[in-house]
Amino acid sequence: MKNKSNIKQRTQTIQGLRSFKDTLPKNIRKIINKRGHVFSETLNNWKYIVDDDLFKVCYPKSFKSSNIYSSSCLVIMVKRGHEIDMEYSKKKIIDKMNAFFGYQVIEKVKFLSFDDSQSIFKKYKEKKIKTENYNDYKKINNIKKLIKLTNFLKKK
């Protein structure tokens, strides 16, 4: 490979094949290295980090890295009714995450529970439909149809 001077981004670049990360500007690379790397690797390897049983009922929502005022925290969405299982396996998740990355990435884990997506719309069925809210009712029905379609496609 041949070194070449490039004035636009770096003082020297390498011609030939290079990774996608190396083609990005320096500022964007810093942001990805700080924040995006841990969360994206967590998403890719979530099934390995938690067991198959927990994989079906939870997924990572966000990752907050540590700074002067707070420690690093992983926020996990948990299906309602399985919070106790996740609470018991909290220490195991932290240990596996830190072992996977090779250094202490996570210090805390927070859980947020959620219902099934269809239970949100139950309260709209009970209300009477007024002519003013008819357009809203149509939108809600369209959303219900989309949810049913996605659930059907997930099963396949």
N, C-alpha and C. Protein backbone atom coordinates (compact mmCIF):
# COMPACT_ATOMS: atom_id res chain seq x y z
N MET A 1 0.84 -1.18 0.00
CA MET A 1 0.00 0.00 0.00
C MET A 1 0.88 1.23 0.00
N LYS A 2 0.35 2.28 -0.52
CA LYS A 2 1.11 3.49 -0.70
C LYS A 2 0.53 4.61 0.15
N ASN A 3 1.36 5.33 0.87
CA ASN A 3 0.89 6.48 1.64
C ASN A 3 0.71 7.68 0.73
N LYS A 4 -0.32 8.45 1.00
CA LYS A 4 -0.63 9.60 0.17
C LYS A 4 -1.02 10.75 1.08
N SER A 5 -0.55 11.95 0.79
CA SER A 5 -0.93 13.12 1.57
C SER A 5 -2.30 13.59 1.12
N ASN A 6 -3.17 13.85 2.10
CA ASN A 6 -4.51 14.33 1.80
C ASN A 6 -4.78 15.52 2.71
N ILE A 7 -5.04 16.67 2.15
CA ILE A 7 -5.17 17.89 2.93
C ILE A 7 -6.55 18.03 3.56
N LYS A 8 -7.58 17.46 2.95
CA LYS A 8 -8.96 17.70 3.39
C LYS A 8 -9.25 17.15 4.79
N GLN A 9 -8.91 15.90 5.07
CA GLN A 9 -9.30 15.32 6.35
C GLN A 9 -8.13 14.99 7.25
N ARG A 10 -7.13 14.36 6.71
CA ARG A 10 -6.01 13.91 7.53
C ARG A 10 -4.70 14.33 6.88
N THR A 11 -3.65 14.18 7.65
CA THR A 11 -2.35 14.50 7.06
C THR A 11 -1.88 13.37 6.16
N GLN A 12 -2.20 12.13 6.49
CA GLN A 12 -1.83 11.00 5.64
C GLN A 12 -2.97 10.01 5.57
N THR A 13 -3.16 9.44 4.39
CA THR A 13 -4.15 8.38 4.24
C THR A 13 -3.48 7.20 3.55
N ILE A 14 -4.10 6.07 3.63
CA ILE A 14 -3.59 4.86 2.99
C ILE A 14 -4.49 4.53 1.83
N GLN A 15 -3.90 4.38 0.66
CA GLN A 15 -4.70 3.99 -0.50
C GLN A 15 -4.97 2.51 -0.46
N GLY A 16 -6.07 2.13 -1.02
CA GLY A 16 -6.44 0.72 -1.05
C GLY A 16 -7.68 0.49 -0.21
N LEU A 17 -7.90 -0.75 0.19
CA LEU A 17 -9.07 -1.09 0.99
C LEU A 17 -8.90 -0.59 2.41
N ARG A 18 -9.95 0.02 2.94
CA ARG A 18 -9.94 0.44 4.34
C ARG A 18 -11.35 0.30 4.90
N SER A 19 -11.44 0.26 6.19
CA SER A 19 -12.73 0.05 6.82
C SER A 19 -13.59 1.30 6.69
N PHE A 20 -14.88 1.11 6.90
CA PHE A 20 -15.82 2.22 6.78
C PHE A 20 -15.54 3.28 7.83
N LYS A 21 -15.13 2.84 9.01
CA LYS A 21 -14.85 3.78 10.11
C LYS A 21 -13.71 4.73 9.74
N ASP A 22 -12.73 4.23 9.00
CA ASP A 22 -11.60 5.07 8.63
C ASP A 22 -11.94 6.10 7.57
N THR A 23 -13.01 5.89 6.82
CA THR A 23 -13.38 6.85 5.79
C THR A 23 -14.19 8.02 6.35
N LEU A 24 -14.69 7.88 7.57
CA LEU A 24 -15.48 8.95 8.18
C LEU A 24 -14.60 10.08 8.66
N PRO A 25 -15.14 11.31 8.77
CA PRO A 25 -14.38 12.42 9.33
C PRO A 25 -14.04 12.18 10.80
N LYS A 26 -13.03 12.87 11.30
CA LYS A 26 -12.54 12.65 12.66
C LYS A 26 -13.60 12.92 13.72
N ASN A 27 -14.38 13.98 13.55
CA ASN A 27 -15.40 14.34 14.55
C ASN A 27 -16.45 13.24 14.69
N ILE A 28 -16.88 12.70 13.58
CA ILE A 28 -17.89 11.65 13.63
C ILE A 28 -17.31 10.38 14.22
N ARG A 29 -16.07 10.08 13.90
CA ARG A 29 -15.43 8.89 14.47
C ARG A 29 -15.34 8.98 15.99
N LYS A 30 -15.08 10.18 16.52
CA LYS A 30 -15.01 10.35 17.97
C LYS A 30 -16.36 10.07 18.61
N ILE A 31 -17.42 10.55 18.00
CA ILE A 31 -18.77 10.33 18.54
C ILE A 31 -19.12 8.85 18.51
N ILE A 32 -18.82 8.17 17.41
CA ILE A 32 -19.12 6.74 17.31
C ILE A 32 -18.31 5.95 18.33
N ASN A 33 -17.04 6.30 18.49
CA ASN A 33 -16.21 5.58 19.46
C ASN A 33 -16.69 5.79 20.88
N LYS A 34 -17.18 6.98 21.20
CA LYS A 34 -17.63 7.26 22.57
C LYS A 34 -18.96 6.58 22.88
N ARG A 35 -19.94 6.77 22.02
CA ARG A 35 -21.31 6.39 22.38
C ARG A 35 -21.86 5.22 21.60
N GLY A 36 -21.71 5.24 20.30
CA GLY A 36 -22.41 4.29 19.46
C GLY A 36 -21.87 2.88 19.49
N HIS A 37 -20.61 2.74 19.75
CA HIS A 37 -19.98 1.42 19.67
C HIS A 37 -20.55 0.46 20.70
N VAL A 38 -20.66 0.89 21.93
CA VAL A 38 -21.14 0.00 23.00
C VAL A 38 -22.58 -0.41 22.75
N PHE A 39 -23.43 0.53 22.40
CA PHE A 39 -24.84 0.21 22.21
C PHE A 39 -25.04 -0.68 20.99
N SER A 40 -24.35 -0.41 19.90
CA SER A 40 -24.53 -1.23 18.70
C SER A 40 -24.01 -2.65 18.92
N GLU A 41 -22.90 -2.79 19.61
CA GLU A 41 -22.39 -4.13 19.91
C GLU A 41 -23.33 -4.86 20.88
N THR A 42 -23.94 -4.11 21.79
CA THR A 42 -24.90 -4.72 22.71
C THR A 42 -26.12 -5.24 21.94
N LEU A 43 -26.62 -4.45 21.00
CA LEU A 43 -27.76 -4.89 20.20
C LEU A 43 -27.42 -6.12 19.37
N ASN A 44 -26.24 -6.13 18.77
CA ASN A 44 -25.86 -7.25 17.92
C ASN A 44 -25.69 -8.54 18.71
N ASN A 45 -25.23 -8.45 19.95
CA ASN A 45 -24.93 -9.64 20.73
C ASN A 45 -25.87 -9.82 21.92
N TRP A 46 -27.07 -9.27 21.85
CA TRP A 46 -28.00 -9.31 22.97
C TRP A 46 -28.41 -10.74 23.32
N LYS A 47 -28.57 -11.58 22.30
CA LYS A 47 -28.98 -12.96 22.55
C LYS A 47 -27.89 -13.72 23.30
N TYR A 48 -26.62 -13.39 23.03
CA TYR A 48 -25.52 -14.02 23.74
C TYR A 48 -25.43 -13.52 25.18
N ILE A 49 -25.69 -12.23 25.38
CA ILE A 49 -25.54 -11.62 26.71
C ILE A 49 -26.61 -12.13 27.67
N VAL A 50 -27.86 -12.14 27.22
CA VAL A 50 -28.93 -12.72 28.04
C VAL A 50 -29.29 -14.07 27.44
N ASP A 51 -29.89 -14.93 28.22
CA ASP A 51 -30.25 -16.26 27.73
C ASP A 51 -31.44 -16.18 26.77
N ASP A 52 -31.78 -17.31 26.18
CA ASP A 52 -32.89 -17.36 25.23
C ASP A 52 -34.22 -17.01 25.89
N ASP A 53 -34.39 -17.42 27.15
CA ASP A 53 -35.65 -17.13 27.85
C ASP A 53 -35.84 -15.62 28.04
N LEU A 54 -34.79 -14.94 28.46
CA LEU A 54 -34.89 -13.50 28.68
C LEU A 54 -34.86 -12.72 27.37
N PHE A 55 -34.25 -13.29 26.34
CA PHE A 55 -34.19 -12.62 25.04
C PHE A 55 -35.58 -12.38 24.47
N LYS A 56 -36.52 -13.28 24.78
CA LYS A 56 -37.88 -13.16 24.26
C LYS A 56 -38.69 -12.07 24.94
N VAL A 57 -38.28 -11.66 26.15
CA VAL A 57 -39.11 -10.72 26.92
C VAL A 57 -38.44 -9.37 27.16
N CYS A 58 -37.23 -9.16 26.65
CA CYS A 58 -36.58 -7.87 26.91
C CYS A 58 -35.67 -7.49 25.75
N TYR A 59 -35.36 -6.20 25.67
CA TYR A 59 -34.41 -5.69 24.69
C TYR A 59 -33.81 -4.39 25.22
N PRO A 60 -32.58 -4.07 24.84
CA PRO A 60 -31.96 -2.83 25.32
C PRO A 60 -32.56 -1.63 24.61
N LYS A 61 -32.85 -0.58 25.41
CA LYS A 61 -33.44 0.62 24.84
C LYS A 61 -32.40 1.69 24.60
N SER A 62 -31.53 1.94 25.58
CA SER A 62 -30.51 2.97 25.41
C SER A 62 -29.34 2.70 26.33
N PHE A 63 -28.26 3.39 26.06
CA PHE A 63 -27.05 3.29 26.87
C PHE A 63 -26.56 4.69 27.17
N LYS A 64 -26.33 4.97 28.44
CA LYS A 64 -25.81 6.27 28.85
C LYS A 64 -24.40 6.04 29.40
N SER A 65 -23.43 6.65 28.76
CA SER A 65 -22.05 6.44 29.20
C SER A 65 -21.76 7.26 30.45
N SER A 66 -20.71 6.88 31.13
CA SER A 66 -20.37 7.54 32.40
C SER A 66 -19.73 8.90 32.14
N ASN A 67 -19.94 9.79 33.08
CA ASN A 67 -19.28 11.09 33.06
C ASN A 67 -18.95 11.47 34.50
N ILE A 68 -18.66 12.72 34.74
CA ILE A 68 -18.24 13.17 36.08
C ILE A 68 -19.35 12.96 37.10
N TYR A 69 -20.60 13.16 36.70
CA TYR A 69 -21.71 13.18 37.64
C TYR A 69 -22.44 11.86 37.78
N SER A 70 -22.40 11.01 36.77
CA SER A 70 -23.16 9.77 36.85
C SER A 70 -22.36 8.60 36.28
N SER A 71 -22.75 7.42 36.67
CA SER A 71 -22.09 6.22 36.19
C SER A 71 -22.80 5.72 34.93
N SER A 72 -22.17 4.80 34.23
CA SER A 72 -22.75 4.29 32.99
C SER A 72 -23.96 3.41 33.31
N CYS A 73 -24.98 3.51 32.45
CA CYS A 73 -26.24 2.83 32.72
C CYS A 73 -26.83 2.29 31.42
N LEU A 74 -27.33 1.07 31.49
CA LEU A 74 -28.03 0.46 30.36
C LEU A 74 -29.51 0.38 30.71
N VAL A 75 -30.36 0.92 29.84
CA VAL A 75 -31.81 0.89 30.05
C VAL A 75 -32.38 -0.24 29.22
N ILE A 76 -33.11 -1.15 29.88
CA ILE A 76 -33.66 -2.33 29.23
C ILE A 76 -35.18 -2.29 29.33
N MET A 77 -35.85 -2.52 28.21
CA MET A 77 -37.30 -2.62 28.18
C MET A 77 -37.69 -4.07 28.47
N VAL A 78 -38.59 -4.25 29.44
CA VAL A 78 -38.99 -5.59 29.89
C VAL A 78 -40.50 -5.72 29.75
N LYS A 79 -40.93 -6.86 29.22
CA LYS A 79 -42.36 -7.13 29.10
C LYS A 79 -42.97 -7.27 30.48
N ARG A 80 -44.13 -6.68 30.67
CA ARG A 80 -44.79 -6.70 31.97
C ARG A 80 -45.00 -8.13 32.44
N GLY A 81 -44.63 -8.36 33.70
CA GLY A 81 -44.77 -9.68 34.29
C GLY A 81 -43.44 -10.41 34.41
N HIS A 82 -42.42 -9.93 33.71
CA HIS A 82 -41.11 -10.59 33.74
C HIS A 82 -40.06 -9.73 34.43
N GLU A 83 -40.48 -8.72 35.16
CA GLU A 83 -39.54 -7.82 35.82
C GLU A 83 -38.73 -8.52 36.90
N ILE A 84 -39.36 -9.46 37.59
CA ILE A 84 -38.68 -10.16 38.69
C ILE A 84 -37.56 -11.03 38.14
N ASP A 85 -37.81 -11.72 37.02
CA ASP A 85 -36.77 -12.54 36.40
C ASP A 85 -35.57 -11.68 36.01
N MET A 86 -35.86 -10.51 35.47
CA MET A 86 -34.78 -9.61 35.05
C MET A 86 -34.03 -9.06 36.26
N GLU A 87 -34.76 -8.79 37.32
CA GLU A 87 -34.12 -8.27 38.54
C GLU A 87 -33.15 -9.28 39.13
N TYR A 88 -33.52 -10.56 39.07
CA TYR A 88 -32.63 -11.60 39.58
C TYR A 88 -31.39 -11.78 38.69
N SER A 89 -31.54 -11.53 37.41
CA SER A 89 -30.42 -11.73 36.50
C SER A 89 -29.65 -10.44 36.20
N LYS A 90 -29.91 -9.39 36.96
CA LYS A 90 -29.24 -8.10 36.74
C LYS A 90 -27.72 -8.22 36.88
N LYS A 91 -27.26 -8.86 37.92
CA LYS A 91 -25.82 -9.00 38.17
C LYS A 91 -25.16 -9.82 37.07
N LYS A 92 -25.86 -10.85 36.59
CA LYS A 92 -25.33 -11.69 35.53
C LYS A 92 -25.18 -10.91 34.22
N ILE A 93 -26.15 -10.04 33.93
CA ILE A 93 -26.10 -9.22 32.72
C ILE A 93 -24.91 -8.26 32.79
N ILE A 94 -24.73 -7.62 33.94
CA ILE A 94 -23.61 -6.67 34.10
C ILE A 94 -22.28 -7.40 33.94
N ASP A 95 -22.14 -8.56 34.55
CA ASP A 95 -20.90 -9.32 34.45
C ASP A 95 -20.61 -9.77 33.02
N LYS A 96 -21.64 -10.25 32.31
CA LYS A 96 -21.44 -10.70 30.94
C LYS A 96 -21.09 -9.54 30.01
N MET A 97 -21.73 -8.38 30.23
CA MET A 97 -21.43 -7.21 29.40
C MET A 97 -19.99 -6.77 29.60
N ASN A 98 -19.56 -6.70 30.86
CA ASN A 98 -18.20 -6.26 31.14
C ASN A 98 -17.18 -7.29 30.64
N ALA A 99 -17.50 -8.56 30.72
CA ALA A 99 -16.60 -9.60 30.21
C ALA A 99 -16.54 -9.57 28.69
N PHE A 100 -17.67 -9.27 28.06
CA PHE A 100 -17.73 -9.23 26.60
C PHE A 100 -16.85 -8.11 26.04
N PHE A 101 -16.91 -6.93 26.67
CA PHE A 101 -16.13 -5.79 26.19
C PHE A 101 -14.70 -5.79 26.73
N GLY A 102 -14.45 -6.49 27.81
CA GLY A 102 -13.10 -6.58 28.33
C GLY A 102 -12.74 -5.51 29.34
N TYR A 103 -13.64 -4.61 29.61
CA TYR A 103 -13.44 -3.59 30.63
C TYR A 103 -14.81 -3.24 31.21
N GLN A 104 -14.82 -2.43 32.27
CA GLN A 104 -16.09 -2.12 32.94
C GLN A 104 -16.87 -1.10 32.14
N VAL A 105 -17.82 -1.59 31.37
CA VAL A 105 -18.65 -0.74 30.52
C VAL A 105 -19.87 -0.26 31.28
N ILE A 106 -20.50 -1.17 32.01
CA ILE A 106 -21.77 -0.87 32.67
C ILE A 106 -21.62 -1.00 34.18
N GLU A 107 -22.18 -0.02 34.87
CA GLU A 107 -22.20 -0.08 36.34
C GLU A 107 -23.61 -0.28 36.87
N LYS A 108 -24.61 0.22 36.14
CA LYS A 108 -26.00 0.09 36.57
C LYS A 108 -26.85 -0.41 35.41
N VAL A 109 -27.97 -1.04 35.76
CA VAL A 109 -28.97 -1.46 34.78
C VAL A 109 -30.32 -0.99 35.30
N LYS A 110 -31.07 -0.31 34.42
CA LYS A 110 -32.43 0.11 34.77
C LYS A 110 -33.41 -0.64 33.90
N PHE A 111 -34.58 -0.93 34.45
CA PHE A 111 -35.62 -1.64 33.73
C PHE A 111 -36.84 -0.76 33.56
N LEU A 112 -37.40 -0.76 32.37
CA LEU A 112 -38.66 -0.11 32.08
C LEU A 112 -39.60 -1.18 31.55
N SER A 113 -40.79 -1.27 32.12
CA SER A 113 -41.72 -2.30 31.69
C SER A 113 -42.68 -1.75 30.64
N PHE A 114 -43.15 -2.63 29.76
CA PHE A 114 -44.11 -2.24 28.74
C PHE A 114 -45.15 -3.34 28.58
N ASP A 115 -46.33 -2.93 28.14
CA ASP A 115 -47.42 -3.87 27.86
C ASP A 115 -47.31 -4.34 26.42
N ASP A 116 -48.20 -5.26 26.07
CA ASP A 116 -48.32 -5.60 24.66
C ASP A 116 -48.83 -4.37 23.93
N SER A 117 -48.46 -4.24 22.69
CA SER A 117 -48.80 -3.03 21.94
C SER A 117 -50.29 -2.88 21.69
N GLN A 118 -51.04 -3.97 21.69
CA GLN A 118 -52.46 -3.87 21.40
C GLN A 118 -53.27 -3.41 22.60
N SER A 119 -52.75 -3.53 23.80
CA SER A 119 -53.52 -3.14 24.97
C SER A 119 -53.64 -1.62 25.10
N ILE A 120 -52.83 -0.88 24.34
CA ILE A 120 -52.91 0.58 24.37
C ILE A 120 -54.24 1.05 23.81
N PHE A 121 -54.76 0.32 22.82
CA PHE A 121 -55.94 0.77 22.10
C PHE A 121 -57.25 0.27 22.71
N LYS A 122 -57.22 -0.48 23.79
CA LYS A 122 -58.45 -0.99 24.39
C LYS A 122 -59.35 0.12 24.90
N LYS A 123 -58.76 1.18 25.43
CA LYS A 123 -59.57 2.26 25.98
C LYS A 123 -60.33 3.01 24.90
N TYR A 124 -59.83 2.99 23.65
CA TYR A 124 -60.52 3.68 22.58
C TYR A 124 -61.75 2.90 22.11
N LYS A 125 -61.77 1.60 22.28
CA LYS A 125 -62.94 0.81 21.90
C LYS A 125 -64.13 1.11 22.79
N GLU A 126 -63.87 1.39 24.07
CA GLU A 126 -64.94 1.59 25.03
C GLU A 126 -65.66 2.93 24.84
N LYS A 127 -64.95 3.93 24.31
CA LYS A 127 -65.55 5.24 24.13
C LYS A 127 -66.47 5.25 22.92
N LYS A 128 -67.49 6.09 23.00
CA LYS A 128 -68.38 6.24 21.87
C LYS A 128 -67.72 7.16 20.84
N ILE A 129 -68.00 6.89 19.58
CA ILE A 129 -67.38 7.66 18.51
C ILE A 129 -68.25 8.87 18.21
N LYS A 130 -67.64 10.05 18.26
CA LYS A 130 -68.31 11.28 17.90
C LYS A 130 -67.88 11.65 16.49
N THR A 131 -68.67 12.48 15.82
CA THR A 131 -68.32 12.87 14.46
C THR A 131 -67.03 13.69 14.44
N GLU A 132 -66.73 14.41 15.51
CA GLU A 132 -65.51 15.21 15.55
C GLU A 132 -64.27 14.32 15.61
N ASN A 133 -64.38 13.19 16.30
CA ASN A 133 -63.24 12.31 16.50
C ASN A 133 -63.17 11.18 15.48
N TYR A 134 -63.96 11.26 14.43
CA TYR A 134 -64.02 10.18 13.47
C TYR A 134 -62.69 9.99 12.74
N ASN A 135 -62.01 11.10 12.40
CA ASN A 135 -60.72 11.00 11.73
C ASN A 135 -59.68 10.36 12.64
N ASP A 136 -59.72 10.71 13.93
CA ASP A 136 -58.80 10.08 14.88
C ASP A 136 -59.07 8.60 14.99
N TYR A 137 -60.34 8.22 14.98
CA TYR A 137 -60.71 6.82 15.07
C TYR A 137 -60.19 6.04 13.85
N LYS A 138 -60.25 6.66 12.67
CA LYS A 138 -59.72 6.02 11.46
C LYS A 138 -58.22 5.79 11.59
N LYS A 139 -57.51 6.80 12.11
CA LYS A 139 -56.06 6.68 12.28
C LYS A 139 -55.72 5.55 13.26
N ILE A 140 -56.50 5.46 14.33
CA ILE A 140 -56.27 4.41 15.33
C ILE A 140 -56.50 3.03 14.70
N ASN A 141 -57.54 2.91 13.89
CA ASN A 141 -57.81 1.63 13.23
C ASN A 141 -56.70 1.26 12.27
N ASN A 142 -56.14 2.26 11.57
CA ASN A 142 -55.02 1.99 10.66
C ASN A 142 -53.80 1.51 11.44
N ILE A 143 -53.57 2.10 12.60
CA ILE A 143 -52.44 1.69 13.43
C ILE A 143 -52.64 0.26 13.93
N LYS A 144 -53.89 -0.07 14.31
CA LYS A 144 -54.20 -1.43 14.76
C LYS A 144 -53.92 -2.43 13.65
N LYS A 145 -54.31 -2.08 12.43
CA LYS A 145 -54.07 -2.98 11.30
C LYS A 145 -52.58 -3.17 11.06
N LEU A 146 -51.81 -2.10 11.19
CA LEU A 146 -50.36 -2.21 11.01
C LEU A 146 -49.73 -3.09 12.08
N ILE A 147 -50.23 -2.97 13.32
CA ILE A 147 -49.70 -3.79 14.41
C ILE A 147 -50.01 -5.26 14.17
N LYS A 148 -51.24 -5.56 13.72
CA LYS A 148 -51.59 -6.94 13.42
C LYS A 148 -50.73 -7.50 12.29
N LEU A 149 -50.46 -6.66 11.28
CA LEU A 149 -49.64 -7.10 10.16
C LEU A 149 -48.21 -7.38 10.60
N THR A 150 -47.64 -6.52 11.44
CA THR A 150 -46.27 -6.75 11.91
C THR A 150 -46.19 -7.98 12.81
N ASN A 151 -47.20 -8.19 13.65
CA ASN A 151 -47.20 -9.40 14.48
C ASN A 151 -47.31 -10.64 13.61
N PHE A 152 -48.10 -10.58 12.54
CA PHE A 152 -48.23 -11.71 11.64
C PHE A 152 -46.91 -12.00 10.94
N LEU A 153 -46.22 -10.94 10.50
CA LEU A 153 -44.94 -11.11 9.81
C LEU A 153 -43.85 -11.60 10.76
N LYS A 154 -43.91 -11.20 12.03
CA LYS A 154 -42.92 -11.67 13.00
C LYS A 154 -43.04 -13.17 13.23
N LYS A 155 -44.27 -13.69 13.19
CA LYS A 155 -44.49 -15.12 13.42
C LYS A 155 -43.88 -15.95 12.30
N LYS A 156 -43.85 -15.40 11.08
CA LYS A 156 -43.29 -16.14 9.95
C LYS A 156 -41.81 -16.03 10.03
